[in-house]
Amino acid sequence: MKKQHIYELKRSAFFFILMVVTPIAILIFIIKKLYPTFKESNLIGNLILASILILTALILYAFLIKPYFHSKYIIDEKMLICKMGRFEKKVNIDQINYIVEGNFPSAGIRPALHTKGIIINYGNGYSIFLSPQNQKEFIATLMTSNSNIKFHNT
């Protein structure tokens, strides 16, 4: 049986506001704007408005709120798996070249919920930014799976 190590993401207030508070505020704003229309509209109009509101809520939940609360990093024997809600990125641990402590990059793959974390360089110049809660243990687990990984502490 495969041994899996599961790591929670470090979360910051900025991402909580961006991914949870803002969508809820948008929904409240839409409801407040549509409420007078609901009062004056007929049944068909109310059903259409309610459908739009429900669809908006589901989209916001699926793409912003759920990834905030249902995110984790999984390290098994050969793969690093980054899950954020419905999204998933896999990196073969044998292809990891080096790990650097760093800040949230302006480009690249960033399945992270904090602005401070680690940048993993893998393959032929690809990189991914992660923010594990227990960064030292996370790095040690990766280095146990691949002793060729270099770590650059900044």
N, C-alpha and C. Protein backbone atom coordinates (compact mmCIF):
# COMPACT_ATOMS: atom_id res chain seq x y z
N MET A 1 0.83 -1.19 0.00
CA MET A 1 0.00 0.00 0.00
C MET A 1 0.87 1.25 0.00
N LYS A 2 0.48 2.23 -0.78
CA LYS A 2 1.24 3.47 -0.90
C LYS A 2 1.14 4.29 0.38
N LYS A 3 2.27 4.85 0.80
CA LYS A 3 2.30 5.75 1.94
C LYS A 3 2.07 7.16 1.42
N GLN A 4 1.04 7.81 1.93
CA GLN A 4 0.75 9.19 1.52
C GLN A 4 0.95 10.14 2.68
N HIS A 5 1.54 11.27 2.37
CA HIS A 5 1.68 12.34 3.35
C HIS A 5 0.78 13.48 2.86
N ILE A 6 -0.10 13.93 3.73
CA ILE A 6 -1.04 15.00 3.37
C ILE A 6 -0.67 16.25 4.14
N TYR A 7 -0.55 17.36 3.43
CA TYR A 7 -0.17 18.64 4.03
C TYR A 7 -1.24 19.69 3.75
N GLU A 8 -1.60 20.40 4.78
CA GLU A 8 -2.53 21.52 4.63
C GLU A 8 -1.78 22.72 4.07
N LEU A 9 -2.52 23.60 3.43
CA LEU A 9 -1.94 24.83 2.91
C LEU A 9 -1.92 25.90 4.00
N LYS A 10 -0.87 26.71 3.98
CA LYS A 10 -0.85 27.89 4.83
C LYS A 10 -1.80 28.90 4.18
N ARG A 11 -2.69 29.48 4.98
CA ARG A 11 -3.69 30.40 4.44
C ARG A 11 -3.47 31.80 5.01
N SER A 12 -3.69 32.81 4.17
CA SER A 12 -3.53 34.20 4.64
C SER A 12 -4.87 34.91 4.61
N ALA A 13 -4.96 35.99 5.36
CA ALA A 13 -6.19 36.79 5.40
C ALA A 13 -6.51 37.36 4.03
N PHE A 14 -5.48 37.72 3.27
CA PHE A 14 -5.69 38.27 1.93
C PHE A 14 -6.49 37.30 1.05
N PHE A 15 -6.08 36.04 1.04
CA PHE A 15 -6.78 35.06 0.21
C PHE A 15 -8.16 34.73 0.76
N PHE A 16 -8.33 34.79 2.09
CA PHE A 16 -9.66 34.58 2.67
C PHE A 16 -10.61 35.68 2.18
N ILE A 17 -10.14 36.91 2.21
CA ILE A 17 -10.96 38.03 1.74
C ILE A 17 -11.25 37.89 0.25
N LEU A 18 -10.22 37.55 -0.52
CA LEU A 18 -10.35 37.43 -1.97
C LEU A 18 -11.27 36.28 -2.39
N MET A 19 -11.14 35.13 -1.75
CA MET A 19 -11.83 33.93 -2.21
C MET A 19 -13.12 33.59 -1.46
N VAL A 20 -13.33 34.17 -0.27
CA VAL A 20 -14.53 33.85 0.51
C VAL A 20 -15.39 35.09 0.75
N VAL A 21 -14.79 36.12 1.33
CA VAL A 21 -15.56 37.32 1.68
C VAL A 21 -16.07 38.04 0.43
N THR A 22 -15.23 38.21 -0.56
CA THR A 22 -15.63 38.93 -1.77
C THR A 22 -16.79 38.24 -2.51
N PRO A 23 -16.76 36.92 -2.74
CA PRO A 23 -17.91 36.28 -3.40
C PRO A 23 -19.20 36.42 -2.60
N ILE A 24 -19.10 36.31 -1.28
CA ILE A 24 -20.30 36.47 -0.44
C ILE A 24 -20.81 37.90 -0.55
N ALA A 25 -19.90 38.87 -0.54
CA ALA A 25 -20.30 40.27 -0.68
C ALA A 25 -20.95 40.52 -2.05
N ILE A 26 -20.43 39.90 -3.08
CA ILE A 26 -21.02 40.02 -4.42
C ILE A 26 -22.44 39.47 -4.42
N LEU A 27 -22.63 38.31 -3.81
CA LEU A 27 -23.98 37.72 -3.73
C LEU A 27 -24.94 38.62 -2.96
N ILE A 28 -24.48 39.16 -1.85
CA ILE A 28 -25.33 40.07 -1.07
C ILE A 28 -25.69 41.30 -1.89
N PHE A 29 -24.71 41.85 -2.61
CA PHE A 29 -24.95 43.01 -3.46
C PHE A 29 -25.99 42.70 -4.54
N ILE A 30 -25.84 41.53 -5.18
CA ILE A 30 -26.79 41.14 -6.23
C ILE A 30 -28.18 40.97 -5.64
N ILE A 31 -28.27 40.33 -4.49
CA ILE A 31 -29.58 40.14 -3.85
C ILE A 31 -30.22 41.48 -3.53
N LYS A 32 -29.43 42.40 -2.97
CA LYS A 32 -29.99 43.72 -2.63
C LYS A 32 -30.45 44.48 -3.88
N LYS A 33 -29.70 44.34 -4.97
CA LYS A 33 -30.08 45.02 -6.21
C LYS A 33 -31.31 44.38 -6.84
N LEU A 34 -31.43 43.05 -6.74
CA LEU A 34 -32.54 42.35 -7.37
C LEU A 34 -33.81 42.30 -6.51
N TYR A 35 -33.69 42.57 -5.21
CA TYR A 35 -34.84 42.44 -4.32
C TYR A 35 -36.05 43.28 -4.76
N PRO A 36 -35.85 44.55 -5.14
CA PRO A 36 -37.03 45.31 -5.62
C PRO A 36 -37.67 44.70 -6.86
N THR A 37 -36.84 44.10 -7.72
CA THR A 37 -37.36 43.45 -8.92
C THR A 37 -38.20 42.24 -8.55
N PHE A 38 -37.75 41.49 -7.54
CA PHE A 38 -38.51 40.33 -7.06
C PHE A 38 -39.89 40.75 -6.56
N LYS A 39 -39.94 41.84 -5.84
CA LYS A 39 -41.21 42.30 -5.26
C LYS A 39 -42.21 42.69 -6.34
N GLU A 40 -41.71 43.27 -7.43
CA GLU A 40 -42.60 43.80 -8.46
C GLU A 40 -42.81 42.83 -9.63
N SER A 41 -42.03 41.77 -9.70
CA SER A 41 -42.07 40.88 -10.85
C SER A 41 -43.12 39.79 -10.67
N ASN A 42 -43.48 39.17 -11.80
CA ASN A 42 -44.43 38.05 -11.76
C ASN A 42 -43.67 36.76 -11.45
N LEU A 43 -44.36 35.66 -11.42
CA LEU A 43 -43.77 34.37 -11.06
C LEU A 43 -42.65 33.96 -12.02
N ILE A 44 -42.86 34.11 -13.32
CA ILE A 44 -41.85 33.72 -14.31
C ILE A 44 -40.60 34.58 -14.14
N GLY A 45 -40.80 35.88 -13.96
CA GLY A 45 -39.66 36.78 -13.75
C GLY A 45 -38.88 36.40 -12.49
N ASN A 46 -39.59 36.07 -11.43
CA ASN A 46 -38.94 35.67 -10.19
C ASN A 46 -38.15 34.37 -10.37
N LEU A 47 -38.70 33.43 -11.12
CA LEU A 47 -37.99 32.17 -11.37
C LEU A 47 -36.70 32.41 -12.16
N ILE A 48 -36.77 33.29 -13.14
CA ILE A 48 -35.58 33.61 -13.94
C ILE A 48 -34.52 34.28 -13.07
N LEU A 49 -34.95 35.27 -12.27
CA LEU A 49 -34.00 35.96 -11.39
C LEU A 49 -33.41 35.01 -10.35
N ALA A 50 -34.24 34.14 -9.79
CA ALA A 50 -33.75 33.17 -8.80
C ALA A 50 -32.77 32.20 -9.45
N SER A 51 -33.03 31.80 -10.68
CA SER A 51 -32.13 30.90 -11.40
C SER A 51 -30.77 31.55 -11.64
N ILE A 52 -30.80 32.82 -12.03
CA ILE A 52 -29.54 33.56 -12.25
C ILE A 52 -28.76 33.68 -10.94
N LEU A 53 -29.46 33.97 -9.86
CA LEU A 53 -28.82 34.10 -8.56
C LEU A 53 -28.22 32.77 -8.10
N ILE A 54 -28.95 31.69 -8.25
CA ILE A 54 -28.46 30.37 -7.86
C ILE A 54 -27.26 29.96 -8.72
N LEU A 55 -27.33 30.21 -10.02
CA LEU A 55 -26.22 29.89 -10.91
C LEU A 55 -24.97 30.68 -10.53
N THR A 56 -25.14 31.96 -10.24
CA THR A 56 -24.01 32.80 -9.80
C THR A 56 -23.42 32.26 -8.51
N ALA A 57 -24.27 31.88 -7.56
CA ALA A 57 -23.79 31.35 -6.28
C ALA A 57 -23.02 30.05 -6.49
N LEU A 58 -23.52 29.17 -7.35
CA LEU A 58 -22.83 27.91 -7.61
C LEU A 58 -21.48 28.11 -8.27
N ILE A 59 -21.42 29.05 -9.21
CA ILE A 59 -20.15 29.33 -9.89
C ILE A 59 -19.13 29.90 -8.90
N LEU A 60 -19.56 30.86 -8.08
CA LEU A 60 -18.67 31.44 -7.08
C LEU A 60 -18.19 30.38 -6.09
N TYR A 61 -19.10 29.49 -5.67
CA TYR A 61 -18.72 28.43 -4.74
C TYR A 61 -17.71 27.47 -5.38
N ALA A 62 -18.01 27.03 -6.59
CA ALA A 62 -17.17 26.02 -7.24
C ALA A 62 -15.76 26.53 -7.56
N PHE A 63 -15.64 27.80 -7.95
CA PHE A 63 -14.35 28.31 -8.41
C PHE A 63 -13.59 29.14 -7.38
N LEU A 64 -14.24 29.60 -6.31
CA LEU A 64 -13.53 30.42 -5.33
C LEU A 64 -13.64 29.88 -3.91
N ILE A 65 -14.84 29.66 -3.44
CA ILE A 65 -15.02 29.30 -2.03
C ILE A 65 -14.56 27.86 -1.76
N LYS A 66 -14.98 26.91 -2.57
CA LYS A 66 -14.59 25.52 -2.36
C LYS A 66 -13.07 25.32 -2.44
N PRO A 67 -12.38 25.89 -3.42
CA PRO A 67 -10.92 25.71 -3.44
C PRO A 67 -10.23 26.26 -2.19
N TYR A 68 -10.78 27.29 -1.58
CA TYR A 68 -10.16 27.83 -0.37
C TYR A 68 -10.22 26.81 0.77
N PHE A 69 -11.35 26.16 0.95
CA PHE A 69 -11.53 25.25 2.08
C PHE A 69 -11.14 23.80 1.77
N HIS A 70 -11.08 23.40 0.52
CA HIS A 70 -10.79 22.03 0.15
C HIS A 70 -9.50 21.96 -0.67
N SER A 71 -8.41 22.35 -0.05
CA SER A 71 -7.11 22.34 -0.71
C SER A 71 -6.11 21.58 0.15
N LYS A 72 -5.23 20.85 -0.53
CA LYS A 72 -4.19 20.11 0.19
C LYS A 72 -3.10 19.70 -0.79
N TYR A 73 -1.95 19.37 -0.21
CA TYR A 73 -0.85 18.81 -0.98
C TYR A 73 -0.68 17.36 -0.52
N ILE A 74 -0.51 16.46 -1.47
CA ILE A 74 -0.33 15.05 -1.16
C ILE A 74 1.01 14.61 -1.76
N ILE A 75 1.82 13.97 -0.93
CA ILE A 75 3.07 13.40 -1.41
C ILE A 75 2.96 11.89 -1.22
N ASP A 76 2.99 11.16 -2.34
CA ASP A 76 3.06 9.70 -2.22
C ASP A 76 4.47 9.29 -2.65
N GLU A 77 4.66 8.05 -2.98
CA GLU A 77 6.02 7.56 -3.26
C GLU A 77 6.70 8.27 -4.43
N LYS A 78 5.94 8.61 -5.46
CA LYS A 78 6.56 9.18 -6.66
C LYS A 78 5.94 10.48 -7.15
N MET A 79 4.83 10.89 -6.57
CA MET A 79 4.11 12.07 -7.08
C MET A 79 3.85 13.08 -5.97
N LEU A 80 3.93 14.35 -6.37
CA LEU A 80 3.43 15.47 -5.57
C LEU A 80 2.13 15.89 -6.22
N ILE A 81 1.04 15.84 -5.46
CA ILE A 81 -0.27 16.18 -6.00
C ILE A 81 -0.78 17.41 -5.26
N CYS A 82 -1.11 18.45 -6.01
CA CYS A 82 -1.64 19.69 -5.45
C CYS A 82 -3.11 19.77 -5.81
N LYS A 83 -3.97 19.74 -4.80
CA LYS A 83 -5.41 19.79 -5.03
C LYS A 83 -5.98 21.08 -4.47
N MET A 84 -6.74 21.77 -5.31
CA MET A 84 -7.46 22.97 -4.90
C MET A 84 -8.87 22.86 -5.44
N GLY A 85 -9.80 22.42 -4.57
CA GLY A 85 -11.16 22.23 -5.03
C GLY A 85 -11.19 21.17 -6.11
N ARG A 86 -11.70 21.53 -7.28
CA ARG A 86 -11.80 20.60 -8.40
C ARG A 86 -10.52 20.53 -9.23
N PHE A 87 -9.59 21.42 -8.96
CA PHE A 87 -8.37 21.50 -9.74
C PHE A 87 -7.27 20.64 -9.12
N GLU A 88 -6.44 20.06 -9.99
CA GLU A 88 -5.38 19.18 -9.52
C GLU A 88 -4.16 19.32 -10.42
N LYS A 89 -2.99 19.38 -9.80
CA LYS A 89 -1.73 19.43 -10.55
C LYS A 89 -0.82 18.36 -9.98
N LYS A 90 -0.24 17.53 -10.86
CA LYS A 90 0.66 16.46 -10.42
C LYS A 90 2.07 16.75 -10.92
N VAL A 91 3.04 16.52 -10.05
CA VAL A 91 4.45 16.68 -10.40
C VAL A 91 5.16 15.40 -9.98
N ASN A 92 5.90 14.82 -10.91
CA ASN A 92 6.69 13.63 -10.61
C ASN A 92 7.86 14.06 -9.73
N ILE A 93 7.98 13.46 -8.55
CA ILE A 93 9.02 13.85 -7.59
C ILE A 93 10.41 13.62 -8.17
N ASP A 94 10.57 12.60 -9.00
CA ASP A 94 11.88 12.34 -9.62
C ASP A 94 12.32 13.46 -10.55
N GLN A 95 11.38 14.30 -11.02
CA GLN A 95 11.72 15.39 -11.93
C GLN A 95 12.01 16.71 -11.20
N ILE A 96 11.87 16.73 -9.87
CA ILE A 96 12.14 17.96 -9.12
C ILE A 96 13.64 18.20 -9.08
N ASN A 97 14.06 19.39 -9.51
CA ASN A 97 15.48 19.77 -9.54
C ASN A 97 15.90 20.46 -8.25
N TYR A 98 15.16 21.50 -7.88
CA TYR A 98 15.50 22.23 -6.66
C TYR A 98 14.27 22.92 -6.10
N ILE A 99 14.41 23.31 -4.82
CA ILE A 99 13.35 24.02 -4.09
C ILE A 99 13.96 25.29 -3.52
N VAL A 100 13.25 26.40 -3.66
CA VAL A 100 13.70 27.69 -3.15
C VAL A 100 12.60 28.31 -2.31
N GLU A 101 12.95 28.87 -1.17
CA GLU A 101 11.97 29.66 -0.42
C GLU A 101 11.72 30.93 -1.20
N GLY A 102 10.48 31.37 -1.26
CA GLY A 102 10.20 32.56 -2.03
C GLY A 102 8.86 33.17 -1.73
N ASN A 103 8.58 34.25 -2.44
CA ASN A 103 7.31 34.95 -2.34
C ASN A 103 6.44 34.63 -3.55
N PHE A 104 5.17 34.95 -3.44
CA PHE A 104 4.19 34.68 -4.48
C PHE A 104 4.67 35.25 -5.80
N PRO A 105 4.94 34.39 -6.79
CA PRO A 105 5.45 34.88 -8.07
C PRO A 105 4.34 35.51 -8.92
N SER A 106 4.74 36.35 -9.84
CA SER A 106 3.76 37.02 -10.70
C SER A 106 3.31 36.13 -11.85
N ALA A 107 4.02 35.05 -12.11
CA ALA A 107 3.64 34.14 -13.20
C ALA A 107 3.90 32.71 -12.77
N GLY A 108 3.32 31.78 -13.50
CA GLY A 108 3.52 30.37 -13.22
C GLY A 108 2.34 29.75 -12.50
N ILE A 109 2.46 28.49 -12.18
CA ILE A 109 1.40 27.76 -11.49
C ILE A 109 1.52 28.05 -10.00
N ARG A 110 0.40 28.45 -9.37
CA ARG A 110 0.43 28.87 -7.97
C ARG A 110 -0.72 28.27 -7.16
N PRO A 111 -0.75 26.98 -6.90
CA PRO A 111 -1.79 26.44 -6.04
C PRO A 111 -1.44 26.71 -4.57
N ALA A 112 -1.55 27.97 -4.19
CA ALA A 112 -1.17 28.40 -2.85
C ALA A 112 -2.18 29.43 -2.33
N LEU A 113 -2.28 29.51 -1.01
CA LEU A 113 -3.20 30.46 -0.38
C LEU A 113 -2.47 31.39 0.56
N HIS A 114 -1.20 31.61 0.29
CA HIS A 114 -0.38 32.52 1.08
C HIS A 114 0.64 33.13 0.15
N THR A 115 1.18 34.28 0.51
CA THR A 115 2.15 34.95 -0.35
C THR A 115 3.58 34.51 -0.08
N LYS A 116 3.81 33.76 0.99
CA LYS A 116 5.14 33.22 1.28
C LYS A 116 5.08 31.70 1.21
N GLY A 117 6.10 31.12 0.61
CA GLY A 117 6.10 29.67 0.47
C GLY A 117 7.37 29.19 -0.19
N ILE A 118 7.23 28.18 -1.04
CA ILE A 118 8.38 27.61 -1.73
C ILE A 118 8.09 27.52 -3.23
N ILE A 119 9.16 27.66 -3.99
CA ILE A 119 9.07 27.50 -5.44
C ILE A 119 9.80 26.21 -5.78
N ILE A 120 9.09 25.30 -6.42
CA ILE A 120 9.67 24.02 -6.81
C ILE A 120 9.94 24.06 -8.31
N ASN A 121 11.20 23.88 -8.67
CA ASN A 121 11.60 23.82 -10.07
C ASN A 121 11.67 22.35 -10.45
N TYR A 122 11.01 21.99 -11.55
CA TYR A 122 10.98 20.58 -11.96
C TYR A 122 11.02 20.49 -13.49
N GLY A 123 11.34 19.31 -13.95
CA GLY A 123 11.35 19.07 -15.40
C GLY A 123 12.36 19.95 -16.09
N ASN A 124 11.96 20.48 -17.22
CA ASN A 124 12.84 21.28 -18.06
C ASN A 124 12.55 22.76 -17.87
N GLY A 125 12.71 23.26 -16.64
CA GLY A 125 12.53 24.68 -16.36
C GLY A 125 11.14 25.08 -15.89
N TYR A 126 10.28 24.12 -15.57
CA TYR A 126 8.95 24.44 -15.05
C TYR A 126 9.05 24.74 -13.56
N SER A 127 8.12 25.54 -13.06
CA SER A 127 8.11 25.81 -11.62
C SER A 127 6.67 25.90 -11.13
N ILE A 128 6.53 25.64 -9.83
CA ILE A 128 5.23 25.70 -9.17
C ILE A 128 5.46 26.29 -7.79
N PHE A 129 4.57 27.20 -7.39
CA PHE A 129 4.67 27.86 -6.08
C PHE A 129 3.68 27.21 -5.13
N LEU A 130 4.16 26.78 -3.96
CA LEU A 130 3.32 26.14 -2.95
C LEU A 130 3.49 26.82 -1.61
N SER A 131 2.48 26.69 -0.75
CA SER A 131 2.57 27.27 0.59
C SER A 131 2.10 26.25 1.64
N PRO A 132 2.91 25.21 1.87
CA PRO A 132 2.52 24.22 2.88
C PRO A 132 2.61 24.81 4.29
N GLN A 133 1.70 24.37 5.16
CA GLN A 133 1.71 24.86 6.53
C GLN A 133 3.01 24.47 7.24
N ASN A 134 3.39 23.22 7.14
CA ASN A 134 4.62 22.74 7.76
C ASN A 134 5.67 22.59 6.66
N GLN A 135 6.29 23.71 6.33
CA GLN A 135 7.19 23.77 5.18
C GLN A 135 8.42 22.88 5.33
N LYS A 136 9.03 22.87 6.52
CA LYS A 136 10.25 22.06 6.72
C LYS A 136 9.97 20.57 6.56
N GLU A 137 8.88 20.11 7.14
CA GLU A 137 8.52 18.69 7.03
C GLU A 137 8.17 18.34 5.58
N PHE A 138 7.47 19.25 4.90
CA PHE A 138 7.09 19.05 3.50
C PHE A 138 8.35 18.87 2.64
N ILE A 139 9.32 19.76 2.80
CA ILE A 139 10.57 19.70 2.03
C ILE A 139 11.33 18.41 2.36
N ALA A 140 11.40 18.07 3.65
CA ALA A 140 12.10 16.85 4.08
C ALA A 140 11.47 15.61 3.45
N THR A 141 10.14 15.57 3.38
CA THR A 141 9.46 14.43 2.77
C THR A 141 9.80 14.32 1.29
N LEU A 142 9.81 15.45 0.59
CA LEU A 142 10.19 15.43 -0.83
C LEU A 142 11.63 14.96 -1.01
N MET A 143 12.52 15.45 -0.15
CA MET A 143 13.93 15.10 -0.28
C MET A 143 14.19 13.64 0.09
N THR A 144 13.33 13.07 0.93
CA THR A 144 13.43 11.64 1.24
C THR A 144 13.07 10.82 0.01
N SER A 145 12.08 11.29 -0.75
CA SER A 145 11.66 10.57 -1.96
C SER A 145 12.64 10.75 -3.12
N ASN A 146 13.35 11.88 -3.13
CA ASN A 146 14.31 12.15 -4.20
C ASN A 146 15.52 12.86 -3.58
N SER A 147 16.58 12.11 -3.34
CA SER A 147 17.76 12.66 -2.67
C SER A 147 18.54 13.64 -3.55
N ASN A 148 18.21 13.74 -4.83
CA ASN A 148 18.90 14.65 -5.74
C ASN A 148 18.36 16.08 -5.69
N ILE A 149 17.27 16.31 -4.95
CA ILE A 149 16.68 17.64 -4.87
C ILE A 149 17.62 18.56 -4.08
N LYS A 150 17.87 19.71 -4.64
CA LYS A 150 18.67 20.75 -3.97
C LYS A 150 17.71 21.73 -3.28
N PHE A 151 18.10 22.22 -2.11
CA PHE A 151 17.29 23.20 -1.41
C PHE A 151 18.10 24.47 -1.22
N HIS A 152 17.55 25.61 -1.67
CA HIS A 152 18.19 26.91 -1.54
C HIS A 152 17.40 27.74 -0.55
N ASN A 153 17.98 27.99 0.59
CA ASN A 153 17.33 28.79 1.63
C ASN A 153 17.67 30.26 1.40
N THR A 154 16.64 31.11 1.36
CA THR A 154 16.92 32.54 1.11
C THR A 154 16.95 33.34 2.38
